[in-house]
PDB file of N, CA and C in Angstrom:
ATOM      1  N   MET A   1     111.676 138.867 111.404  1.00  0.00           N
ATOM      2  CA  MET A   1     110.851 138.450 110.073  1.00  0.00           C
ATOM      3  C   MET A   1     112.051 137.668 109.115  1.00  0.00           C
ATOM      4  N   SER A   2     111.794 136.712 108.621  1.00  0.00           N
ATOM      5  CA  SER A   2     112.571 135.967 107.661  1.00  0.00           C
ATOM      6  C   SER A   2     112.432 136.568 106.349  1.00  0.00           C
ATOM      7  N   ALA A   3     113.433 136.000 105.449  1.00  0.00           N
ATOM      8  CA  ALA A   3     113.329 136.396 103.978  1.00  0.00           C
ATOM      9  C   ALA A   3     112.251 135.558 103.591  1.00  0.00           C
ATOM     10  N   PRO A   4     111.554 136.244 102.259  1.00  0.00           N
ATOM     11  CA  PRO A   4     110.440 135.705 101.674  1.00  0.00           C
ATOM     12  C   PRO A   4     110.556 134.389 101.138  1.00  0.00           C
ATOM     13  N   GLY A   5     111.757 133.841 100.836  1.00  0.00           N
ATOM     14  CA  GLY A   5     111.880 132.465 100.331  1.00  0.00           C
ATOM     15  C   GLY A   5     112.287 131.467 101.263  1.00  0.00           C
ATOM     16  N   GLN A   6     112.972 132.033 102.576  1.00  0.00           N
ATOM     17  CA  GLN A   6     113.419 131.420 103.479  1.00  0.00           C
ATOM     18  C   GLN A   6     112.597 130.187 104.192  1.00  0.00           C
ATOM     19  N   ASP A   7     111.498 130.473 104.338  1.00  0.00           N
ATOM     20  CA  ASP A   7     110.511 129.634 105.100  1.00  0.00           C
ATOM     21  C   ASP A   7     110.193 128.260 104.078  1.00  0.00           C
ATOM     22  N   LEU A   8     110.177 128.686 102.784  1.00  0.00           N
ATOM     23  CA  LEU A   8     109.925 127.618 101.886  1.00  0.00           C
ATOM     24  C   LEU A   8     111.073 126.530 101.750  1.00  0.00           C
ATOM     25  N   LYS A   9     112.369 127.373 101.721  1.00  0.00           N
ATOM     26  CA  LYS A   9     113.505 126.648 101.642  1.00  0.00           C
ATOM     27  C   LYS A   9     113.604 125.581 102.702  1.00  0.00           C
ATOM     28  N   GLU A  10     113.140 126.197 103.927  1.00  0.00           N
ATOM     29  CA  GLU A  10     113.319 125.475 105.309  1.00  0.00           C
ATOM     30  C   GLU A  10     112.278 124.223 105.283  1.00  0.00           C
ATOM     31  N   ALA A  11     111.151 124.622 104.876  1.00  0.00           N
ATOM     32  CA  ALA A  11     109.982 123.589 104.789  1.00  0.00           C
ATOM     33  C   ALA A  11     110.452 122.365 103.762  1.00  0.00           C
ATOM     34  N   VAL A  12     111.005 122.675 102.557  1.00  0.00           N
ATOM     35  CA  VAL A  12     111.485 121.758 101.577  1.00  0.00           C
ATOM     36  C   VAL A  12     112.602 120.746 102.213  1.00  0.00           C
ATOM     37  N   GLY A  13     113.319 121.356 103.079  1.00  0.00           N
ATOM     38  CA  GLY A  13     114.613 120.747 103.573  1.00  0.00           C
ATOM     39  C   GLY A  13     114.276 119.997 104.726  1.00  0.00           C
ATOM     40  N   ARG A  14     113.097 119.815 105.086  1.00  0.00           N
ATOM     41  CA  ARG A  14     112.866 118.831 106.261  1.00  0.00           C
ATOM     42  C   ARG A  14     112.986 117.384 105.856  1.00  0.00           C
ATOM     43  N   LYS A  15     113.304 116.587 106.717  1.00  0.00           N
ATOM     44  CA  LYS A  15     113.616 115.047 106.633  1.00  0.00           C
ATOM     45  C   LYS A  15     112.680 114.257 107.308  1.00  0.00           C
ATOM     46  N   ALA A  16     111.585 113.996 106.872  1.00  0.00           N
ATOM     47  CA  ALA A  16     110.723 112.889 107.493  1.00  0.00           C
ATOM     48  C   ALA A  16     110.809 111.686 106.678  1.00  0.00           C
ATOM     49  N   SER A  17     110.592 110.632 107.369  1.00  0.00           N
ATOM     50  CA  SER A  17     110.635 109.158 106.507  1.00  0.00           C
ATOM     51  C   SER A  17     109.438 109.087 105.564  1.00  0.00           C
ATOM     52  N   ILE A  18     109.531 108.347 104.584  1.00  0.00           N
ATOM     53  CA  ILE A  18     108.447 107.998 103.695  1.00  0.00           C
ATOM     54  C   ILE A  18     107.299 107.210 104.410  1.00  0.00           C
ATOM     55  N   ILE A  19     107.571 106.663 105.438  1.00  0.00           N
ATOM     56  CA  ILE A  19     106.522 105.957 106.279  1.00  0.00           C
ATOM     57  C   ILE A  19     105.734 106.874 107.051  1.00  0.00           C
ATOM     58  N   GLN A  20     106.436 107.946 107.572  1.00  0.00           N
ATOM     59  CA  GLN A  20     105.815 109.091 108.439  1.00  0.00           C
ATOM     60  C   GLN A  20     104.882 109.962 107.467  1.00  0.00           C
ATOM     61  N   THR A  21     105.356 110.215 106.224  1.00  0.00           N
ATOM     62  CA  THR A  21     104.546 110.863 105.112  1.00  0.00           C
ATOM     63  C   THR A  21     103.281 110.167 104.813  1.00  0.00           C
ATOM     64  N   ILE A  22     103.560 108.918 104.563  1.00  0.00           N
ATOM     65  CA  ILE A  22     102.280 108.156 104.179  1.00  0.00           C
ATOM     66  C   ILE A  22     101.290 107.900 105.218  1.00  0.00           C
ATOM     67  N   SER A  23     101.802 107.851 106.483  1.00  0.00           N
ATOM     68  CA  SER A  23     100.916 107.690 107.719  1.00  0.00           C
ATOM     69  C   SER A  23     100.052 109.008 107.853  1.00  0.00           C
ATOM     70  N   ALA A  24     100.731 110.169 107.726  1.00  0.00           N
ATOM     71  CA  ALA A  24     100.231 111.464 107.851  1.00  0.00           C
ATOM     72  C   ALA A  24      99.016 111.659 106.935  1.00  0.00           C
ATOM     73  N   VAL A  25      99.291 111.238 105.652  1.00  0.00           N
ATOM     74  CA  VAL A  25      98.360 111.487 104.474  1.00  0.00           C
ATOM     75  C   VAL A  25      97.333 110.442 104.643  1.00  0.00           C
ATOM     76  N   ALA A  26      97.554 109.269 104.991  1.00  0.00           N
ATOM     77  CA  ALA A  26      96.526 108.125 105.347  1.00  0.00           C
ATOM     78  C   ALA A  26      95.701 108.663 106.321  1.00  0.00           C
ATOM     79  N   TRP A  27      95.972 109.352 107.479  1.00  0.00           N
ATOM     80  CA  TRP A  27      95.168 109.757 108.586  1.00  0.00           C
ATOM     81  C   TRP A  27      94.336 110.896 108.080  1.00  0.00           C
ATOM     82  N   SER A  28      94.931 111.847 107.235  1.00  0.00           N
ATOM     83  CA  SER A  28      94.323 112.974 106.591  1.00  0.00           C
ATOM     84  C   SER A  28      92.940 112.356 105.750  1.00  0.00           C
ATOM     85  N   PHE A  29      93.155 111.412 105.041  1.00  0.00           N
ATOM     86  CA  PHE A  29      92.152 110.908 104.097  1.00  0.00           C
ATOM     87  C   PHE A  29      91.137 110.342 105.014  1.00  0.00           C
ATOM     88  N   PHE A  30      91.484 109.564 106.213  1.00  0.00           N
ATOM     89  CA  PHE A  30      90.556 108.975 107.111  1.00  0.00           C
ATOM     90  C   PHE A  30      89.803 110.320 107.983  1.00  0.00           C
ATOM     91  N   GLY A  31      90.574 111.412 108.093  1.00  0.00           N
ATOM     92  CA  GLY A  31      89.909 112.615 108.641  1.00  0.00           C
ATOM     93  C   GLY A  31      89.980 112.614 110.214  1.00  0.00           C
ATOM     94  N   VAL A  32      91.038 111.952 110.722  1.00  0.00           N
ATOM     95  CA  VAL A  32      91.059 111.760 112.135  1.00  0.00           C
ATOM     96  C   VAL A  32      92.591 112.132 112.442  1.00  0.00           C
ATOM     97  N   ARG A  33      92.890 113.103 113.263  1.00  0.00           N
ATOM     98  CA  ARG A  33      94.281 113.409 113.774  1.00  0.00           C
ATOM     99  C   ARG A  33      94.307 113.977 115.066  1.00  0.00           C
ATOM    100  N   ARG A  34      95.236 113.370 115.919  1.00  0.00           N
ATOM    101  CA  ARG A  34      95.247 114.271 117.040  1.00  0.00           C
ATOM    102  C   ARG A  34      96.012 115.794 117.003  1.00  0.00           C
ATOM    103  N   GLY A  35      95.768 116.714 117.640  1.00  0.00           N
ATOM    104  CA  GLY A  35      96.426 118.071 117.556  1.00  0.00           C
ATOM    105  C   GLY A  35      97.772 117.952 117.748  1.00  0.00           C
ATOM    106  N   ARG A  36      98.180 116.991 118.725  1.00  0.00           N
ATOM    107  CA  ARG A  36      99.779 116.986 119.054  1.00  0.00           C
ATOM    108  C   ARG A  36     100.387 116.192 117.737  1.00  0.00           C
ATOM    109  N   ASP A  37      99.888 115.217 117.265  1.00  0.00           N
ATOM    110  CA  ASP A  37     100.526 114.478 116.061  1.00  0.00           C
ATOM    111  C   ASP A  37     100.484 115.561 114.694  1.00  0.00           C
ATOM    112  N   HIS A  38      99.519 116.333 114.910  1.00  0.00           N
ATOM    113  CA  HIS A  38      99.369 117.404 113.462  1.00  0.00           C
ATOM    114  C   HIS A  38     100.519 118.382 113.700  1.00  0.00           C
ATOM    115  N   GLU A  39     100.674 118.727 114.860  1.00  0.00           N
ATOM    116  CA  GLU A  39     101.857 119.672 115.093  1.00  0.00           C
ATOM    117  C   GLU A  39     103.102 119.213 115.044  1.00  0.00           C
ATOM    118  N   ASN A  40     103.312 117.972 115.283  1.00  0.00           N
ATOM    119  CA  ASN A  40     104.599 117.197 115.162  1.00  0.00           C
ATOM    120  C   ASN A  40     104.813 117.080 113.338  1.00  0.00           C
ATOM    121  N   ASP A  41     103.592 116.649 112.611  1.00  0.00           N
ATOM    122  CA  ASP A  41     103.879 116.687 111.292  1.00  0.00           C
ATOM    123  C   ASP A  41     104.379 117.773 110.760  1.00  0.00           C
ATOM    124  N   MET A  42     103.555 118.923 110.934  1.00  0.00           N
ATOM    125  CA  MET A  42     103.785 120.344 110.461  1.00  0.00           C
ATOM    126  C   MET A  42     105.133 120.489 110.644  1.00  0.00           C
ATOM    127  N   ALA A  43     105.806 120.305 111.877  1.00  0.00           N
ATOM    128  CA  ALA A  43     107.443 120.495 112.033  1.00  0.00           C
ATOM    129  C   ALA A  43     108.213 119.547 111.140  1.00  0.00           C
ATOM    130  N   LYS A  44     107.966 118.301 110.907  1.00  0.00           N
ATOM    131  CA  LYS A  44     108.967 117.392 110.246  1.00  0.00           C
ATOM    132  C   LYS A  44     108.523 117.263 108.677  1.00  0.00           C
ATOM    133  N   LEU A  45     107.354 117.102 108.379  1.00  0.00           N
ATOM    134  CA  LEU A  45     107.195 116.744 107.042  1.00  0.00           C
ATOM    135  C   LEU A  45     107.603 117.740 105.943  1.00  0.00           C
ATOM    136  N   ASN A  46     108.013 117.133 104.683  1.00  0.00           N
ATOM    137  CA  ASN A  46     108.255 117.930 103.626  1.00  0.00           C
ATOM    138  C   ASN A  46     106.969 118.184 102.853  1.00  0.00           C
ATOM    139  N   PRO A  47     106.610 119.500 102.557  1.00  0.00           N
ATOM    140  CA  PRO A  47     105.489 119.627 101.813  1.00  0.00           C
ATOM    141  C   PRO A  47     105.212 119.116 100.408  1.00  0.00           C
ATOM    142  N   VAL A  48     106.326 119.084  99.764  1.00  0.00           N
ATOM    143  CA  VAL A  48     106.413 118.476  98.560  1.00  0.00           C
ATOM    144  C   VAL A  48     106.118 117.071  98.496  1.00  0.00           C
ATOM    145  N   HIS A  49     106.643 116.370  99.599  1.00  0.00           N
ATOM    146  CA  HIS A  49     106.367 114.780  99.641  1.00  0.00           C
ATOM    147  C   HIS A  49     104.973 114.599 100.149  1.00  0.00           C
ATOM    148  N   VAL A  50     104.361 115.385 100.928  1.00  0.00           N
ATOM    149  CA  VAL A  50     102.938 115.444 101.271  1.00  0.00           C
ATOM    150  C   VAL A  50     101.888 115.496  99.949  1.00  0.00           C
ATOM    151  N   ILE A  51     102.439 116.566  99.345  1.00  0.00           N
ATOM    152  CA  ILE A  51     101.570 116.734  97.954  1.00  0.00           C
ATOM    153  C   ILE A  51     101.605 115.567  97.237  1.00  0.00           C
ATOM    154  N   ILE A  52     102.738 115.040  96.816  1.00  0.00           N
ATOM    155  CA  ILE A  52     103.014 113.871  96.086  1.00  0.00           C
ATOM    156  C   ILE A  52     102.153 112.519  96.674  1.00  0.00           C
ATOM    157  N   ALA A  53     102.488 112.274  98.007  1.00  0.00           N
ATOM    158  CA  ALA A  53     101.640 111.267  98.576  1.00  0.00           C
ATOM    159  C   ALA A  53     100.204 111.392  98.472  1.00  0.00           C
ATOM    160  N   GLY A  54      99.770 112.651  98.789  1.00  0.00           N
ATOM    161  CA  GLY A  54      98.231 113.018  98.564  1.00  0.00           C
ATOM    162  C   GLY A  54      97.745 112.598  97.192  1.00  0.00           C
ATOM    163  N   LEU A  55      98.460 113.139  96.305  1.00  0.00           N
ATOM    164  CA  LEU A  55      98.085 112.674  94.771  1.00  0.00           C
ATOM    165  C   LEU A  55      98.009 111.261  94.539  1.00  0.00           C
ATOM    166  N   LEU A  56      99.136 110.562  94.928  1.00  0.00           N
ATOM    167  CA  LEU A  56      99.292 109.248  94.704  1.00  0.00           C
ATOM    168  C   LEU A  56      98.087 108.345  95.640  1.00  0.00           C
ATOM    169  N   GLY A  57      97.909 108.695  96.638  1.00  0.00           N
ATOM    170  CA  GLY A  57      96.707 108.295  97.539  1.00  0.00           C
ATOM    171  C   GLY A  57      95.315 108.551  96.843  1.00  0.00           C
ATOM    172  N   ALA A  58      95.040 109.629  96.356  1.00  0.00           N
ATOM    173  CA  ALA A  58      93.730 109.999  95.633  1.00  0.00           C
ATOM    174  C   ALA A  58      93.608 109.154  94.545  1.00  0.00           C
ATOM    175  N   ALA A  59      94.767 108.853  93.716  1.00  0.00           N
ATOM    176  CA  ALA A  59      94.597 108.159  92.416  1.00  0.00           C
ATOM    177  C   ALA A  59      94.418 106.714  92.782  1.00  0.00           C
ATOM    178  N   LEU A  60      95.200 106.260  93.794  1.00  0.00           N
ATOM    179  CA  LEU A  60      94.741 104.909  94.261  1.00  0.00           C
ATOM    180  C   LEU A  60      93.374 104.584  94.761  1.00  0.00           C
ATOM    181  N   PHE A  61      92.813 105.647  95.572  1.00  0.00           N
ATOM    182  CA  PHE A  61      91.393 105.546  95.881  1.00  0.00           C
ATOM    183  C   PHE A  61      90.301 105.437  94.940  1.00  0.00           C
ATOM    184  N   VAL A  62      90.847 106.220  93.722  1.00  0.00           N
ATOM    185  CA  VAL A  62      89.852 106.453  92.635  1.00  0.00           C
ATOM    186  C   VAL A  62      89.943 105.026  91.830  1.00  0.00           C
ATOM    187  N   LEU A  63      91.166 104.623  91.721  1.00  0.00           N
ATOM    188  CA  LEU A  63      91.423 103.196  90.974  1.00  0.00           C
ATOM    189  C   LEU A  63      90.548 102.177  91.701  1.00  0.00           C
ATOM    190  N   VAL A  64      90.655 102.078  92.885  1.00  0.00           N
ATOM    191  CA  VAL A  64      89.942 101.039  93.681  1.00  0.00           C
ATOM    192  C   VAL A  64      88.535 101.126  93.746  1.00  0.00           C
ATOM    193  N   LEU A  65      87.904 102.371  93.675  1.00  0.00           N
ATOM    194  CA  LEU A  65      86.699 102.638  93.281  1.00  0.00           C
ATOM    195  C   LEU A  65      86.311 102.112  92.020  1.00  0.00           C
ATOM    196  N   VAL A  66      86.769 102.405  91.066  1.00  0.00           N
ATOM    197  CA  VAL A  66      86.526 101.927  89.556  1.00  0.00           C
ATOM    198  C   VAL A  66      86.608 100.664  89.535  1.00  0.00           C
ATOM    199  N   LEU A  67      87.563  99.979  90.017  1.00  0.00           N
ATOM    200  CA  LEU A  67      87.699  98.359  90.090  1.00  0.00           C
ATOM    201  C   LEU A  67      86.681  97.850  90.699  1.00  0.00           C
ATOM    202  N   VAL A  68      86.141  98.374  91.966  1.00  0.00           N
ATOM    203  CA  VAL A  68      85.029  97.729  92.602  1.00  0.00           C
ATOM    204  C   VAL A  68      83.655  97.881  91.894  1.00  0.00           C
ATOM    205  N   VAL A  69      83.384  99.189  91.446  1.00  0.00           N
ATOM    206  CA  VAL A  69      82.283  99.316  90.573  1.00  0.00           C
ATOM    207  C   VAL A  69      82.261  98.353  89.387  1.00  0.00           C
ATOM    208  N   ARG A  70      83.293  98.178  88.648  1.00  0.00           N
ATOM    209  CA  ARG A  70      83.373  97.402  87.389  1.00  0.00           C
ATOM    210  C   ARG A  70      83.054  96.021  87.882  1.00  0.00           C
ATOM    211  N   TRP A  71      83.567  95.406  89.072  1.00  0.00           N
ATOM    212  CA  TRP A  71      83.485  94.176  89.578  1.00  0.00           C
ATOM    213  C   TRP A  71      81.912  93.920  89.800  1.00  0.00           C
ATOM    214  N   VAL A  72      81.382  94.968  90.648  1.00  0.00           N
ATOM    215  CA  VAL A  72      79.951  94.703  90.962  1.00  0.00           C
ATOM    216  C   VAL A  72      79.130  94.687  89.580  1.00  0.00           C
ATOM    217  N   ILE A  73      79.353  95.397  88.756  1.00  0.00           N
ATOM    218  CA  ILE A  73      78.728  95.585  87.588  1.00  0.00           C
ATOM    219  C   ILE A  73      78.729  94.148  86.806  1.00  0.00           C
ATOM    220  N   SER A  74      80.014  93.628  86.656  1.00  0.00           N
ATOM    221  CA  SER A  74      80.153  92.439  85.846  1.00  0.00           C
ATOM    222  C   SER A  74      79.653  91.166  86.735  1.00  0.00           C
ATOM    223  N   SER A  75      79.693  91.335  87.966  1.00  0.00           N
ATOM    224  CA  SER A  75      79.024  89.983  88.774  1.00  0.00           C
ATOM    225  C   SER A  75      77.734  89.892  88.628  1.00  0.00           C
ATOM    226  N   GLY A  76      77.022  90.986  88.158  1.00  0.00           N
ATOM    227  CA  GLY A  76      75.495  90.784  88.136  1.00  0.00           C
ATOM    228  C   GLY A  76      74.687  91.145  89.471  1.00  0.00           C
ATOM    229  N   VAL A  77      75.519  91.414  90.456  1.00  0.00           N
ATOM    230  CA  VAL A  77      74.981  91.880  91.559  1.00  0.00           C
ATOM    231  C   VAL A  77      74.067  93.115  91.548  1.00  0.00           C
ATOM    232  N   ALA A  78      74.496  93.973  90.637  1.00  0.00           N
ATOM    233  CA  ALA A  78      73.824  95.332  90.572  1.00  0.00           C
ATOM    234  C   ALA A  78      72.385  95.135  89.892  1.00  0.00           C
ATOM    235  N   ALA A  79      72.303  94.024  89.174  1.00  0.00           N
ATOM    236  CA  ALA A  79      71.050  93.809  88.180  1.00  0.00           C
ATOM    237  C   ALA A  79      69.851  93.873  89.034  1.00  0.00           C
ATOM    238  N   ALA A  80      68.747  94.757  88.743  1.00  0.00           N
ATOM    239  CA  ALA A  80      67.605  94.587  89.445  1.00  0.00           C
ATOM    240  C   ALA A  80      66.585  93.716  88.970  1.00  0.00           C
TER     241      ALA A  80
END
């Protein structure tokens, strides 16, 4: 059994590229991921980078939704 903080230090020290992290987060937003790819991500991705990418992805998603709603309302398409 490892020391209490050793697993966290090992996880934070993982070196995956930013593209791999963004790809994993994008697939998780979509909700589709193969088991083999998920296991590969768990071994390579830095959890801190995944959290940051997830928060940025969620903020971008909300921003796009707000902009689309504002566009639809201002265009008059939503008027009944």
